[in-house]
N, C-alpha and C. Protein backbone atom coordinates (compact mmCIF):
# COMPACT_ATOMS: atom_id res chain seq x y z
N MET A 1 -74.98 1.21 6.55
CA MET A 1 -75.06 1.85 5.26
C MET A 1 -74.16 3.08 5.25
N ARG A 2 -73.39 3.24 4.17
CA ARG A 2 -72.44 4.33 4.08
C ARG A 2 -73.13 5.60 3.59
N ARG A 3 -72.83 6.71 4.24
CA ARG A 3 -73.38 8.00 3.85
C ARG A 3 -72.26 8.83 3.24
N PHE A 4 -72.60 9.55 2.18
CA PHE A 4 -71.62 10.41 1.54
C PHE A 4 -71.69 11.81 2.15
N THR A 5 -70.54 12.41 2.37
CA THR A 5 -70.51 13.76 2.91
C THR A 5 -70.72 14.76 1.78
N ALA A 6 -71.01 15.98 2.14
CA ALA A 6 -71.22 17.04 1.14
C ALA A 6 -69.96 17.26 0.31
N VAL A 7 -68.80 17.15 0.92
CA VAL A 7 -67.53 17.34 0.21
C VAL A 7 -67.34 16.24 -0.84
N GLN A 8 -67.64 15.00 -0.49
CA GLN A 8 -67.52 13.90 -1.45
C GLN A 8 -68.48 14.08 -2.62
N ILE A 9 -69.71 14.49 -2.34
CA ILE A 9 -70.69 14.70 -3.40
C ILE A 9 -70.25 15.85 -4.30
N LEU A 10 -69.76 16.94 -3.73
CA LEU A 10 -69.29 18.07 -4.50
C LEU A 10 -68.10 17.68 -5.37
N ALA A 11 -67.16 16.93 -4.80
CA ALA A 11 -65.99 16.48 -5.56
C ALA A 11 -66.42 15.61 -6.73
N PHE A 12 -67.34 14.70 -6.50
CA PHE A 12 -67.85 13.85 -7.58
C PHE A 12 -68.51 14.69 -8.67
N ALA A 13 -69.32 15.68 -8.28
CA ALA A 13 -70.02 16.53 -9.25
C ALA A 13 -69.03 17.31 -10.10
N VAL A 14 -67.99 17.86 -9.48
CA VAL A 14 -66.97 18.61 -10.22
C VAL A 14 -66.24 17.70 -11.20
N LEU A 15 -65.80 16.54 -10.75
CA LEU A 15 -65.08 15.60 -11.63
C LEU A 15 -65.97 15.13 -12.77
N PHE A 16 -67.22 14.83 -12.48
CA PHE A 16 -68.16 14.39 -13.51
C PHE A 16 -68.36 15.51 -14.55
N GLY A 17 -68.53 16.73 -14.08
CA GLY A 17 -68.70 17.86 -15.00
C GLY A 17 -67.48 18.08 -15.87
N MET A 18 -66.30 17.95 -15.29
CA MET A 18 -65.06 18.11 -16.06
C MET A 18 -64.93 17.02 -17.11
N SER A 19 -65.33 15.80 -16.77
CA SER A 19 -65.20 14.70 -17.73
C SER A 19 -66.13 14.89 -18.91
N ILE A 20 -67.23 15.58 -18.74
CA ILE A 20 -68.15 15.83 -19.84
C ILE A 20 -67.72 17.06 -20.63
N CYS A 21 -67.30 18.11 -19.97
CA CYS A 21 -66.98 19.37 -20.63
C CYS A 21 -65.63 19.34 -21.35
N ALA A 22 -64.63 18.67 -20.79
CA ALA A 22 -63.29 18.68 -21.37
C ALA A 22 -63.26 18.20 -22.81
N PRO A 23 -63.88 17.05 -23.16
CA PRO A 23 -63.85 16.63 -24.55
C PRO A 23 -64.56 17.60 -25.48
N VAL A 24 -65.63 18.22 -25.02
CA VAL A 24 -66.36 19.17 -25.86
C VAL A 24 -65.50 20.39 -26.12
N LEU A 25 -64.83 20.90 -25.10
CA LEU A 25 -63.96 22.04 -25.28
C LEU A 25 -62.77 21.71 -26.15
N ALA A 26 -62.22 20.52 -26.02
CA ALA A 26 -61.06 20.10 -26.83
C ALA A 26 -61.40 19.99 -28.30
N GLN A 27 -62.65 19.74 -28.63
CA GLN A 27 -63.04 19.58 -30.02
C GLN A 27 -62.86 20.86 -30.81
N ASP A 28 -62.84 22.01 -30.16
CA ASP A 28 -62.72 23.27 -30.87
C ASP A 28 -61.28 23.62 -31.21
N ASP A 29 -60.29 22.87 -30.75
CA ASP A 29 -58.89 23.20 -30.97
C ASP A 29 -58.56 23.38 -32.44
N ASN A 30 -59.03 22.52 -33.32
CA ASN A 30 -58.68 22.57 -34.74
C ASN A 30 -59.87 22.88 -35.63
N SER A 31 -61.01 23.18 -35.05
CA SER A 31 -62.20 23.49 -35.85
C SER A 31 -62.15 24.94 -36.30
N GLN A 32 -62.75 25.19 -37.45
CA GLN A 32 -62.83 26.54 -37.96
C GLN A 32 -64.30 26.90 -38.11
N SER A 33 -64.64 28.15 -37.83
CA SER A 33 -66.04 28.55 -37.82
C SER A 33 -66.65 28.54 -39.22
N ASP A 34 -65.86 28.64 -40.27
CA ASP A 34 -66.43 28.67 -41.62
C ASP A 34 -66.60 27.27 -42.22
N GLY A 35 -66.41 26.22 -41.44
CA GLY A 35 -66.60 24.86 -41.94
C GLY A 35 -65.39 24.34 -42.71
N ASN A 36 -64.31 25.10 -42.80
CA ASN A 36 -63.09 24.70 -43.49
C ASN A 36 -62.31 23.79 -42.56
N THR A 37 -62.48 22.47 -42.71
CA THR A 37 -61.83 21.57 -41.77
C THR A 37 -61.25 20.35 -42.46
N LEU A 38 -60.16 19.88 -41.93
CA LEU A 38 -59.50 18.68 -42.41
C LEU A 38 -60.07 17.43 -41.74
N GLU A 39 -60.80 17.64 -40.70
CA GLU A 39 -61.35 16.54 -39.91
C GLU A 39 -62.10 15.54 -40.78
N GLY A 40 -61.83 14.24 -40.56
CA GLY A 40 -62.53 13.18 -41.27
C GLY A 40 -61.59 12.07 -41.71
N VAL A 41 -62.14 11.15 -42.50
CA VAL A 41 -61.39 10.00 -43.02
C VAL A 41 -61.14 10.21 -44.51
N TRP A 42 -59.92 9.96 -44.93
CA TRP A 42 -59.48 10.22 -46.30
C TRP A 42 -58.81 8.99 -46.90
N ARG A 43 -59.04 8.75 -48.17
CA ARG A 43 -58.28 7.78 -48.95
C ARG A 43 -57.17 8.60 -49.61
N ASP A 44 -55.92 8.12 -49.53
CA ASP A 44 -54.82 8.91 -50.08
C ASP A 44 -53.86 8.06 -50.89
N THR A 45 -53.05 8.75 -51.67
CA THR A 45 -51.94 8.14 -52.39
C THR A 45 -50.69 8.94 -52.09
N ALA A 46 -49.70 8.28 -51.51
CA ALA A 46 -48.41 8.91 -51.25
C ALA A 46 -47.48 8.59 -52.41
N THR A 47 -46.81 9.59 -52.92
CA THR A 47 -45.81 9.40 -53.97
C THR A 47 -44.44 9.64 -53.34
N LEU A 48 -43.68 8.56 -53.19
CA LEU A 48 -42.35 8.65 -52.59
C LEU A 48 -41.36 9.09 -53.66
N LEU A 49 -40.59 10.14 -53.37
CA LEU A 49 -39.70 10.74 -54.35
C LEU A 49 -38.23 10.46 -54.07
N GLY A 50 -37.91 9.72 -53.01
CA GLY A 50 -36.52 9.45 -52.66
C GLY A 50 -35.94 10.57 -51.83
N LEU A 51 -34.63 10.61 -51.72
CA LEU A 51 -33.97 11.64 -50.93
C LEU A 51 -34.28 13.01 -51.51
N CYS A 52 -34.53 13.98 -50.65
CA CYS A 52 -34.82 15.34 -51.13
C CYS A 52 -33.64 15.90 -51.91
N SER A 53 -32.42 15.53 -51.52
CA SER A 53 -31.21 16.04 -52.18
C SER A 53 -30.87 15.28 -53.46
N ALA A 54 -31.44 14.09 -53.66
CA ALA A 54 -31.15 13.27 -54.84
C ALA A 54 -32.39 12.44 -55.19
N PRO A 55 -33.41 13.06 -55.82
CA PRO A 55 -34.65 12.34 -56.11
C PRO A 55 -34.43 11.08 -56.94
N SER A 56 -35.28 10.08 -56.73
CA SER A 56 -35.25 8.83 -57.49
C SER A 56 -36.61 8.68 -58.19
N PRO A 57 -36.76 7.65 -59.04
CA PRO A 57 -38.06 7.47 -59.70
C PRO A 57 -39.18 7.35 -58.66
N PRO A 58 -40.30 8.03 -58.89
CA PRO A 58 -41.39 8.02 -57.90
C PRO A 58 -42.02 6.65 -57.73
N ARG A 59 -42.49 6.39 -56.52
CA ARG A 59 -43.18 5.15 -56.18
C ARG A 59 -44.45 5.50 -55.43
N GLU A 60 -45.60 5.00 -55.88
CA GLU A 60 -46.88 5.33 -55.25
C GLU A 60 -47.33 4.25 -54.27
N ILE A 61 -47.89 4.70 -53.14
CA ILE A 61 -48.40 3.79 -52.12
C ILE A 61 -49.79 4.28 -51.71
N PRO A 62 -50.82 3.43 -51.83
CA PRO A 62 -52.15 3.84 -51.37
C PRO A 62 -52.24 3.77 -49.85
N GLY A 63 -53.17 4.51 -49.29
CA GLY A 63 -53.36 4.48 -47.85
C GLY A 63 -54.65 5.14 -47.42
N MET A 64 -54.81 5.22 -46.12
CA MET A 64 -55.94 5.92 -45.52
C MET A 64 -55.42 6.71 -44.33
N ILE A 65 -56.03 7.88 -44.13
CA ILE A 65 -55.61 8.74 -43.03
C ILE A 65 -56.84 9.37 -42.40
N THR A 66 -56.84 9.44 -41.07
CA THR A 66 -57.93 10.05 -40.32
C THR A 66 -57.38 11.23 -39.53
N PHE A 67 -58.06 12.37 -39.66
CA PHE A 67 -57.76 13.56 -38.88
C PHE A 67 -58.93 13.74 -37.91
N THR A 68 -58.67 13.56 -36.62
CA THR A 68 -59.74 13.64 -35.62
C THR A 68 -60.03 15.09 -35.26
N ARG A 69 -61.19 15.31 -34.71
CA ARG A 69 -61.62 16.66 -34.33
C ARG A 69 -60.67 17.29 -33.33
N ASP A 70 -60.08 16.47 -32.45
CA ASP A 70 -59.21 17.02 -31.41
C ASP A 70 -57.74 17.08 -31.82
N GLY A 71 -57.46 16.98 -33.13
CA GLY A 71 -56.09 17.21 -33.60
C GLY A 71 -55.19 15.99 -33.67
N LYS A 72 -55.73 14.80 -33.67
CA LYS A 72 -54.92 13.58 -33.76
C LYS A 72 -54.91 13.07 -35.20
N VAL A 73 -53.86 12.32 -35.56
CA VAL A 73 -53.74 11.68 -36.87
C VAL A 73 -53.60 10.17 -36.66
N ILE A 74 -54.34 9.41 -37.45
CA ILE A 74 -54.20 7.95 -37.50
C ILE A 74 -54.03 7.61 -38.97
N GLU A 75 -52.91 6.99 -39.32
CA GLU A 75 -52.57 6.77 -40.73
C GLU A 75 -52.15 5.33 -40.95
N THR A 76 -52.51 4.77 -42.09
CA THR A 76 -52.06 3.43 -42.45
C THR A 76 -51.89 3.36 -43.96
N THR A 77 -50.98 2.51 -44.40
CA THR A 77 -50.75 2.37 -45.84
C THR A 77 -51.27 1.02 -46.32
N GLY A 78 -51.38 0.91 -47.64
CA GLY A 78 -51.85 -0.33 -48.25
C GLY A 78 -50.75 -1.37 -48.39
N THR A 79 -49.55 -1.07 -47.95
CA THR A 79 -48.44 -2.02 -47.99
C THR A 79 -47.57 -1.84 -46.75
N PRO A 80 -47.03 -2.91 -46.20
CA PRO A 80 -46.15 -2.75 -45.04
C PRO A 80 -44.72 -2.38 -45.42
N LEU A 81 -44.38 -2.42 -46.71
CA LEU A 81 -43.00 -2.16 -47.13
C LEU A 81 -42.69 -0.68 -47.04
N VAL A 82 -41.59 -0.33 -46.38
CA VAL A 82 -41.23 1.08 -46.22
C VAL A 82 -39.78 1.36 -46.59
N GLY A 83 -39.07 0.40 -47.04
CA GLY A 83 -37.66 0.62 -47.33
C GLY A 83 -37.09 -0.54 -48.12
N PRO A 84 -35.83 -0.83 -47.93
CA PRO A 84 -35.22 -1.96 -48.63
C PRO A 84 -35.91 -3.27 -48.25
N ALA A 85 -35.71 -4.28 -49.06
CA ALA A 85 -36.32 -5.59 -48.81
C ALA A 85 -36.09 -6.02 -47.37
N GLY A 86 -37.16 -6.49 -46.72
CA GLY A 86 -37.05 -6.97 -45.35
C GLY A 86 -37.36 -5.93 -44.29
N ILE A 87 -37.51 -4.66 -44.68
CA ILE A 87 -37.86 -3.62 -43.71
C ILE A 87 -39.35 -3.33 -43.88
N ASN A 88 -40.12 -3.58 -42.86
CA ASN A 88 -41.57 -3.39 -42.90
C ASN A 88 -42.04 -2.45 -41.81
N ARG A 89 -43.24 -1.90 -42.02
CA ARG A 89 -43.90 -1.13 -40.98
C ARG A 89 -44.38 -2.08 -39.90
N MET A 90 -44.33 -1.62 -38.67
CA MET A 90 -44.77 -2.44 -37.55
C MET A 90 -46.08 -1.92 -36.97
N SER A 91 -46.45 -0.66 -37.30
CA SER A 91 -47.60 -0.03 -36.66
C SER A 91 -48.23 0.99 -37.60
N PRO A 92 -49.44 1.43 -37.27
CA PRO A 92 -50.00 2.56 -38.01
C PRO A 92 -49.25 3.83 -37.63
N GLY A 93 -49.38 4.86 -38.43
CA GLY A 93 -48.80 6.14 -38.08
C GLY A 93 -49.71 6.85 -37.09
N LEU A 94 -49.13 7.38 -36.03
CA LEU A 94 -49.89 8.11 -35.01
C LEU A 94 -49.24 9.46 -34.78
N GLY A 95 -50.05 10.49 -34.66
CA GLY A 95 -49.48 11.82 -34.45
C GLY A 95 -50.53 12.88 -34.26
N ALA A 96 -50.22 14.10 -34.72
CA ALA A 96 -51.10 15.24 -34.51
C ALA A 96 -51.12 16.13 -35.75
N TRP A 97 -52.21 16.90 -35.88
CA TRP A 97 -52.31 17.87 -36.96
C TRP A 97 -52.72 19.21 -36.38
N GLU A 98 -52.45 20.29 -37.14
CA GLU A 98 -52.83 21.62 -36.69
C GLU A 98 -53.27 22.46 -37.87
N PHE A 99 -54.16 23.39 -37.61
CA PHE A 99 -54.67 24.35 -38.57
C PHE A 99 -53.70 25.51 -38.61
N LEU A 100 -53.23 25.89 -39.82
CA LEU A 100 -52.26 26.98 -39.95
C LEU A 100 -52.91 28.28 -40.41
N GLY A 101 -54.11 28.18 -40.99
CA GLY A 101 -54.80 29.36 -41.51
C GLY A 101 -55.25 29.10 -42.93
N GLY A 102 -56.38 29.72 -43.32
CA GLY A 102 -56.91 29.52 -44.67
C GLY A 102 -57.25 28.06 -44.90
N HIS A 103 -56.66 27.49 -45.94
CA HIS A 103 -56.86 26.07 -46.27
C HIS A 103 -55.62 25.24 -45.93
N HIS A 104 -54.76 25.75 -45.06
CA HIS A 104 -53.45 25.13 -44.81
C HIS A 104 -53.37 24.49 -43.42
N TYR A 105 -52.75 23.30 -43.42
CA TYR A 105 -52.62 22.48 -42.21
C TYR A 105 -51.24 21.84 -42.20
N ARG A 106 -50.83 21.36 -41.05
CA ARG A 106 -49.60 20.57 -40.93
C ARG A 106 -49.90 19.35 -40.08
N ALA A 107 -49.41 18.20 -40.54
CA ALA A 107 -49.56 16.95 -39.79
C ALA A 107 -48.18 16.32 -39.60
N VAL A 108 -47.96 15.76 -38.43
CA VAL A 108 -46.72 15.04 -38.12
C VAL A 108 -47.12 13.74 -37.44
N PHE A 109 -46.62 12.62 -37.97
CA PHE A 109 -46.92 11.33 -37.35
C PHE A 109 -45.71 10.41 -37.47
N ARG A 110 -45.70 9.38 -36.62
CA ARG A 110 -44.59 8.42 -36.58
C ARG A 110 -45.12 7.00 -36.60
N PHE A 111 -44.30 6.09 -37.10
CA PHE A 111 -44.62 4.67 -37.02
C PHE A 111 -43.33 3.89 -36.82
N PHE A 112 -43.48 2.67 -36.28
CA PHE A 112 -42.34 1.80 -36.02
C PHE A 112 -42.00 0.98 -37.26
N ARG A 113 -40.71 0.70 -37.42
CA ARG A 113 -40.22 -0.14 -38.51
C ARG A 113 -39.58 -1.39 -37.90
N ILE A 114 -39.59 -2.50 -38.67
CA ILE A 114 -39.03 -3.75 -38.16
C ILE A 114 -38.28 -4.46 -39.29
N ASN A 115 -37.17 -5.11 -38.93
CA ASN A 115 -36.42 -5.96 -39.86
C ASN A 115 -37.06 -7.33 -39.78
N VAL A 116 -37.76 -7.73 -40.86
CA VAL A 116 -38.55 -8.96 -40.83
C VAL A 116 -37.70 -10.22 -40.68
N PRO A 117 -36.66 -10.42 -41.48
CA PRO A 117 -35.93 -11.68 -41.30
C PRO A 117 -35.36 -11.85 -39.90
N ALA A 118 -34.85 -10.79 -39.31
CA ALA A 118 -34.24 -10.88 -37.99
C ALA A 118 -35.23 -10.61 -36.86
N ASN A 119 -36.43 -10.10 -37.20
CA ASN A 119 -37.44 -9.74 -36.21
C ASN A 119 -36.87 -8.78 -35.17
N THR A 120 -36.13 -7.75 -35.67
CA THR A 120 -35.52 -6.76 -34.79
C THR A 120 -36.05 -5.37 -35.16
N PRO A 121 -36.11 -4.48 -34.20
CA PRO A 121 -36.57 -3.12 -34.49
C PRO A 121 -35.63 -2.42 -35.46
N GLU A 122 -36.21 -1.63 -36.36
CA GLU A 122 -35.43 -0.84 -37.32
C GLU A 122 -35.68 0.64 -37.12
N GLY A 123 -36.12 1.02 -35.94
CA GLY A 123 -36.27 2.44 -35.62
C GLY A 123 -37.68 2.95 -35.83
N VAL A 124 -37.77 4.26 -35.84
CA VAL A 124 -39.03 4.98 -36.00
C VAL A 124 -38.90 5.89 -37.20
N GLN A 125 -39.97 5.99 -37.98
CA GLN A 125 -39.99 6.88 -39.12
C GLN A 125 -40.99 8.00 -38.84
N GLU A 126 -40.56 9.25 -39.06
CA GLU A 126 -41.42 10.41 -38.83
C GLU A 126 -41.76 11.06 -40.16
N ILE A 127 -43.03 11.33 -40.37
CA ILE A 127 -43.52 11.96 -41.59
C ILE A 127 -44.09 13.32 -41.21
N THR A 128 -43.73 14.35 -41.95
CA THR A 128 -44.31 15.69 -41.80
C THR A 128 -44.95 16.07 -43.12
N GLU A 129 -46.22 16.46 -43.08
CA GLU A 129 -46.97 16.84 -44.28
C GLU A 129 -47.48 18.26 -44.14
N ASP A 130 -47.22 19.10 -45.15
CA ASP A 130 -47.83 20.42 -45.25
C ASP A 130 -48.99 20.29 -46.23
N ILE A 131 -50.21 20.44 -45.71
CA ILE A 131 -51.43 20.06 -46.42
C ILE A 131 -52.20 21.30 -46.85
N THR A 132 -52.74 21.24 -48.08
CA THR A 132 -53.64 22.27 -48.59
C THR A 132 -54.97 21.62 -48.94
N LEU A 133 -56.03 22.09 -48.32
CA LEU A 133 -57.38 21.58 -48.53
C LEU A 133 -58.00 22.31 -49.71
N SER A 134 -58.71 21.59 -50.58
CA SER A 134 -59.36 22.21 -51.75
C SER A 134 -60.49 23.13 -51.31
N ASP A 135 -60.91 24.03 -52.19
CA ASP A 135 -62.00 24.95 -51.90
C ASP A 135 -63.29 24.19 -51.58
N GLN A 136 -63.48 23.04 -52.21
CA GLN A 136 -64.68 22.23 -51.97
C GLN A 136 -64.57 21.39 -50.70
N ARG A 137 -63.38 21.34 -50.09
CA ARG A 137 -63.11 20.60 -48.86
C ARG A 137 -63.28 19.10 -48.99
N ASP A 138 -63.19 18.58 -50.23
CA ASP A 138 -63.33 17.13 -50.43
C ASP A 138 -62.04 16.49 -50.95
N GLU A 139 -61.00 17.29 -51.15
CA GLU A 139 -59.69 16.79 -51.60
C GLU A 139 -58.60 17.61 -50.93
N PHE A 140 -57.42 16.99 -50.82
CA PHE A 140 -56.26 17.74 -50.35
C PHE A 140 -55.03 17.31 -51.11
N THR A 141 -54.04 18.17 -51.12
CA THR A 141 -52.71 17.84 -51.63
C THR A 141 -51.72 18.21 -50.53
N ALA A 142 -50.56 17.57 -50.56
CA ALA A 142 -49.56 17.84 -49.53
C ALA A 142 -48.16 17.60 -50.09
N ALA A 143 -47.22 18.32 -49.53
CA ALA A 143 -45.80 18.07 -49.77
C ALA A 143 -45.22 17.72 -48.42
N GLY A 144 -44.40 16.68 -48.40
CA GLY A 144 -43.91 16.23 -47.10
C GLY A 144 -42.49 15.74 -47.11
N THR A 145 -42.04 15.44 -45.90
CA THR A 145 -40.70 14.86 -45.71
C THR A 145 -40.83 13.67 -44.77
N SER A 146 -39.82 12.81 -44.85
CA SER A 146 -39.77 11.61 -44.03
C SER A 146 -38.35 11.46 -43.51
N GLN A 147 -38.24 11.07 -42.25
CA GLN A 147 -36.93 10.84 -41.66
C GLN A 147 -36.99 9.62 -40.76
N ILE A 148 -35.95 8.79 -40.84
CA ILE A 148 -35.85 7.57 -40.04
C ILE A 148 -34.88 7.83 -38.89
N PHE A 149 -35.28 7.40 -37.69
CA PHE A 149 -34.44 7.53 -36.50
C PHE A 149 -34.07 6.14 -36.04
N ASN A 150 -32.80 5.72 -36.31
CA ASN A 150 -32.38 4.35 -36.00
C ASN A 150 -30.87 4.22 -35.86
N PRO A 151 -30.20 4.45 -34.85
CA PRO A 151 -30.51 5.39 -33.78
C PRO A 151 -30.21 6.82 -34.21
N ASN A 152 -29.54 7.00 -35.37
CA ASN A 152 -29.22 8.34 -35.86
C ASN A 152 -30.19 8.74 -36.96
N PRO A 153 -30.51 10.03 -37.06
CA PRO A 153 -31.42 10.47 -38.12
C PRO A 153 -30.85 10.21 -39.51
N SER A 154 -31.73 9.80 -40.42
CA SER A 154 -31.35 9.60 -41.82
C SER A 154 -31.50 10.92 -42.56
N PRO A 155 -30.95 11.01 -43.79
CA PRO A 155 -31.24 12.20 -44.61
C PRO A 155 -32.74 12.27 -44.89
N LEU A 156 -33.24 13.47 -45.13
CA LEU A 156 -34.67 13.65 -45.41
C LEU A 156 -35.04 13.07 -46.76
N SER A 157 -36.15 12.36 -46.79
CA SER A 157 -36.76 11.91 -48.05
C SER A 157 -37.98 12.79 -48.28
N CYS A 158 -38.34 12.98 -49.55
CA CYS A 158 -39.48 13.83 -49.90
C CYS A 158 -40.62 13.00 -50.47
N ASN A 159 -41.82 13.54 -50.34
CA ASN A 159 -43.00 12.87 -50.88
C ASN A 159 -44.08 13.90 -51.19
N THR A 160 -45.05 13.47 -51.97
CA THR A 160 -46.28 14.23 -52.13
C THR A 160 -47.42 13.32 -51.69
N LEU A 161 -48.54 13.91 -51.40
CA LEU A 161 -49.70 13.17 -50.94
C LEU A 161 -50.93 13.81 -51.54
N ALA A 162 -51.85 12.99 -52.02
CA ALA A 162 -53.14 13.48 -52.53
C ALA A 162 -54.23 12.66 -51.88
N GLY A 163 -55.26 13.33 -51.36
CA GLY A 163 -56.32 12.64 -50.65
C GLY A 163 -57.70 13.04 -51.11
N THR A 164 -58.64 12.10 -50.97
CA THR A 164 -60.05 12.32 -51.26
C THR A 164 -60.86 11.93 -50.03
N ARG A 165 -61.76 12.81 -49.63
CA ARG A 165 -62.56 12.57 -48.43
C ARG A 165 -63.51 11.40 -48.66
N LEU A 166 -63.60 10.49 -47.68
CA LEU A 166 -64.58 9.43 -47.72
C LEU A 166 -65.87 9.92 -47.09
N GLU A 167 -66.97 9.64 -47.72
CA GLU A 167 -68.28 10.08 -47.19
C GLU A 167 -68.78 9.11 -46.17
């Protein structure tokens, strides 16, 4: 029968304690003491405005976005279309968000694009949103930019975003 030494037991206790405490401590990174938080699941509508330097007629896309307690973003849209015909999203948007102060936040996330007819990668698209949470904390608005990296950066596109918290 194998016996554990005091060092092995101590090492196990320290690692076990760290595995329990680390997630709890990480949860406070983006939390605010007054309850003003972006954390949660939201239904949103993105309004695509075209190039920031040359706006085009707006196009609306429904979606959902989750802001986790530890500062992560998980985003998905109601349509896979992200560009000209044949260019589709390949993945959900994944990234991070941060509290800037007051009711203001910033989120940055990326997703993969694919050329459907050729089944070839079309790069990565990065979205940056500057978010303002309502006083009631049940709605937000945002102004954002989008850039495609394939392999060279594209000109910035602009968008707005409006969200409603899901209960």
